Amino acid sequence: MHRVFVANASFDRLDYWLHHPRSVADLEAMGEALRPGVRVILFGSGSQEQPARLEFQEEVNCWVAYPV
């Protein structure tokens, strides 16, 4: 699984992993479906799942997951 940023007030929380899609390769394989606002599932410690949406943040050059 690929670790992603989960946005919060301090913008540094890293305790969730991208569960679906499972990897950067899977993200790239989404093709046109990979766009700002796409829904994903995050997997956290204690086996908890968290729906989220992805947004690309040019400032940090990565996808950021915003829990919904």
C-alpha atoms as a PDB file:
ATOM      1  CA  MET A   1       0.000   0.000   0.000  1.00  0.00           C
ATOM      2  CA  HIS A   2       1.127   3.524  -0.646  1.00  0.00           C
ATOM      3  CA  ARG A   3       1.391   5.996   2.202  1.00  0.00           C
ATOM      4  CA  VAL A   4      -0.347   9.309   1.539  1.00  0.00           C
ATOM      5  CA  PHE A   5      -0.743  12.580   3.327  1.00  0.00           C
ATOM      6  CA  VAL A   6      -4.021  12.973   5.159  1.00  0.00           C
ATOM      7  CA  ALA A   7      -4.857  16.620   5.506  1.00  0.00           C
ATOM      8  CA  ASN A   8      -5.473  18.060   8.943  1.00  0.00           C
ATOM      9  CA  ALA A   9      -4.748  21.331  10.704  1.00  0.00           C
ATOM     10  CA  SER A  10      -1.012  20.714  10.866  1.00  0.00           C
ATOM     11  CA  PHE A  11      -0.807  19.003   7.423  1.00  0.00           C
ATOM     12  CA  ASP A  12       1.554  16.326   8.726  1.00  0.00           C
ATOM     13  CA  ARG A  13      -0.581  13.314   9.649  1.00  0.00           C
ATOM     14  CA  LEU A  14       0.713  10.132   8.039  1.00  0.00           C
ATOM     15  CA  ASP A  15      -1.137   7.365   9.853  1.00  0.00           C
ATOM     16  CA  TYR A  16      -3.345   6.226   6.979  1.00  0.00           C
ATOM     17  CA  TRP A  17      -2.365   4.215   3.921  1.00  0.00           C
ATOM     18  CA  LEU A  18      -3.996   4.231   0.541  1.00  0.00           C
ATOM     19  CA  HIS A  19      -6.074   1.040   0.499  1.00  0.00           C
ATOM     20  CA  HIS A  20      -7.899   1.355  -2.804  1.00  0.00           C
ATOM     21  CA  PRO A  21      -6.212   1.806  -5.165  1.00  0.00           C
ATOM     22  CA  ARG A  22      -3.370  -0.078  -3.482  1.00  0.00           C
ATOM     23  CA  SER A  23      -0.257   1.470  -5.056  1.00  0.00           C
ATOM     24  CA  VAL A  24       1.176   4.306  -7.083  1.00  0.00           C
ATOM     25  CA  ALA A  25       1.070   2.005 -10.124  1.00  0.00           C
ATOM     26  CA  ASP A  26      -2.647   1.452  -9.500  1.00  0.00           C
ATOM     27  CA  LEU A  27      -3.118   5.221  -9.231  1.00  0.00           C
ATOM     28  CA  GLU A  28      -1.373   5.705 -12.573  1.00  0.00           C
ATOM     29  CA  ALA A  29      -3.399   2.856 -14.085  1.00  0.00           C
ATOM     30  CA  MET A  30      -6.575   4.799 -13.290  1.00  0.00           C
ATOM     31  CA  GLY A  31      -5.691   7.027 -16.252  1.00  0.00           C
ATOM     32  CA  GLU A  32      -8.310   9.713 -16.756  1.00  0.00           C
ATOM     33  CA  ALA A  33     -10.198   8.507 -13.679  1.00  0.00           C
ATOM     34  CA  LEU A  34      -7.322   9.889 -11.572  1.00  0.00           C
ATOM     35  CA  ARG A  35      -8.439  13.468 -11.228  1.00  0.00           C
ATOM     36  CA  PRO A  36      -8.970  15.933  -8.419  1.00  0.00           C
ATOM     37  CA  GLY A  37     -11.867  14.843  -6.234  1.00  0.00           C
ATOM     38  CA  VAL A  38     -11.655  11.122  -7.027  1.00  0.00           C
ATOM     39  CA  ARG A  39     -12.924   8.967  -4.126  1.00  0.00           C
ATOM     40  CA  VAL A  40     -10.557   6.471  -2.477  1.00  0.00           C
ATOM     41  CA  ILE A  41     -10.518   4.306   0.628  1.00  0.00           C
ATOM     42  CA  LEU A  42      -7.824   4.840   3.267  1.00  0.00           C
ATOM     43  CA  PHE A  43      -6.753   2.115   5.666  1.00  0.00           C
ATOM     44  CA  GLY A  44      -5.570   3.148   9.131  1.00  0.00           C
ATOM     45  CA  SER A  45      -4.062   1.606  12.198  1.00  0.00           C
ATOM     46  CA  GLY A  46      -6.450  -0.758  13.927  1.00  0.00           C
ATOM     47  CA  SER A  47      -7.854  -1.854  10.542  1.00  0.00           C
ATOM     48  CA  GLN A  48     -10.127   1.159  10.274  1.00  0.00           C
ATOM     49  CA  GLU A  49     -11.214   2.331   6.832  1.00  0.00           C
ATOM     50  CA  GLN A  50     -11.795   5.983   5.974  1.00  0.00           C
ATOM     51  CA  PRO A  51     -13.403   7.225   2.746  1.00  0.00           C
ATOM     52  CA  ALA A  52     -11.508  10.158   1.292  1.00  0.00           C
ATOM     53  CA  ARG A  53     -11.082  12.222  -1.843  1.00  0.00           C
ATOM     54  CA  LEU A  54      -7.772  12.904  -3.543  1.00  0.00           C
ATOM     55  CA  GLU A  55      -6.489  16.320  -4.544  1.00  0.00           C
ATOM     56  CA  PHE A  56      -3.124  17.013  -6.143  1.00  0.00           C
ATOM     57  CA  GLN A  57      -1.120  19.601  -4.237  1.00  0.00           C
ATOM     58  CA  GLU A  58       1.459  21.190  -6.510  1.00  0.00           C
ATOM     59  CA  GLU A  59       3.182  22.822  -3.530  1.00  0.00           C
ATOM     60  CA  VAL A  60       4.291  19.437  -2.206  1.00  0.00           C
ATOM     61  CA  ASN A  61       4.092  17.570  -5.545  1.00  0.00           C
ATOM     62  CA  CYS A  62       1.900  14.745  -4.284  1.00  0.00           C
ATOM     63  CA  TRP A  63      -1.670  13.577  -3.918  1.00  0.00           C
ATOM     64  CA  VAL A  64      -3.298  14.491  -0.620  1.00  0.00           C
ATOM     65  CA  ALA A  65      -6.250  12.546   0.793  1.00  0.00           C
ATOM     66  CA  TYR A  66      -9.017  14.574   2.416  1.00  0.00           C
ATOM     67  CA  PRO A  67     -11.290  12.437   4.617  1.00  0.00           C
ATOM     68  CA  VAL A  68     -14.993  12.770   3.787  1.00  0.00           C
END
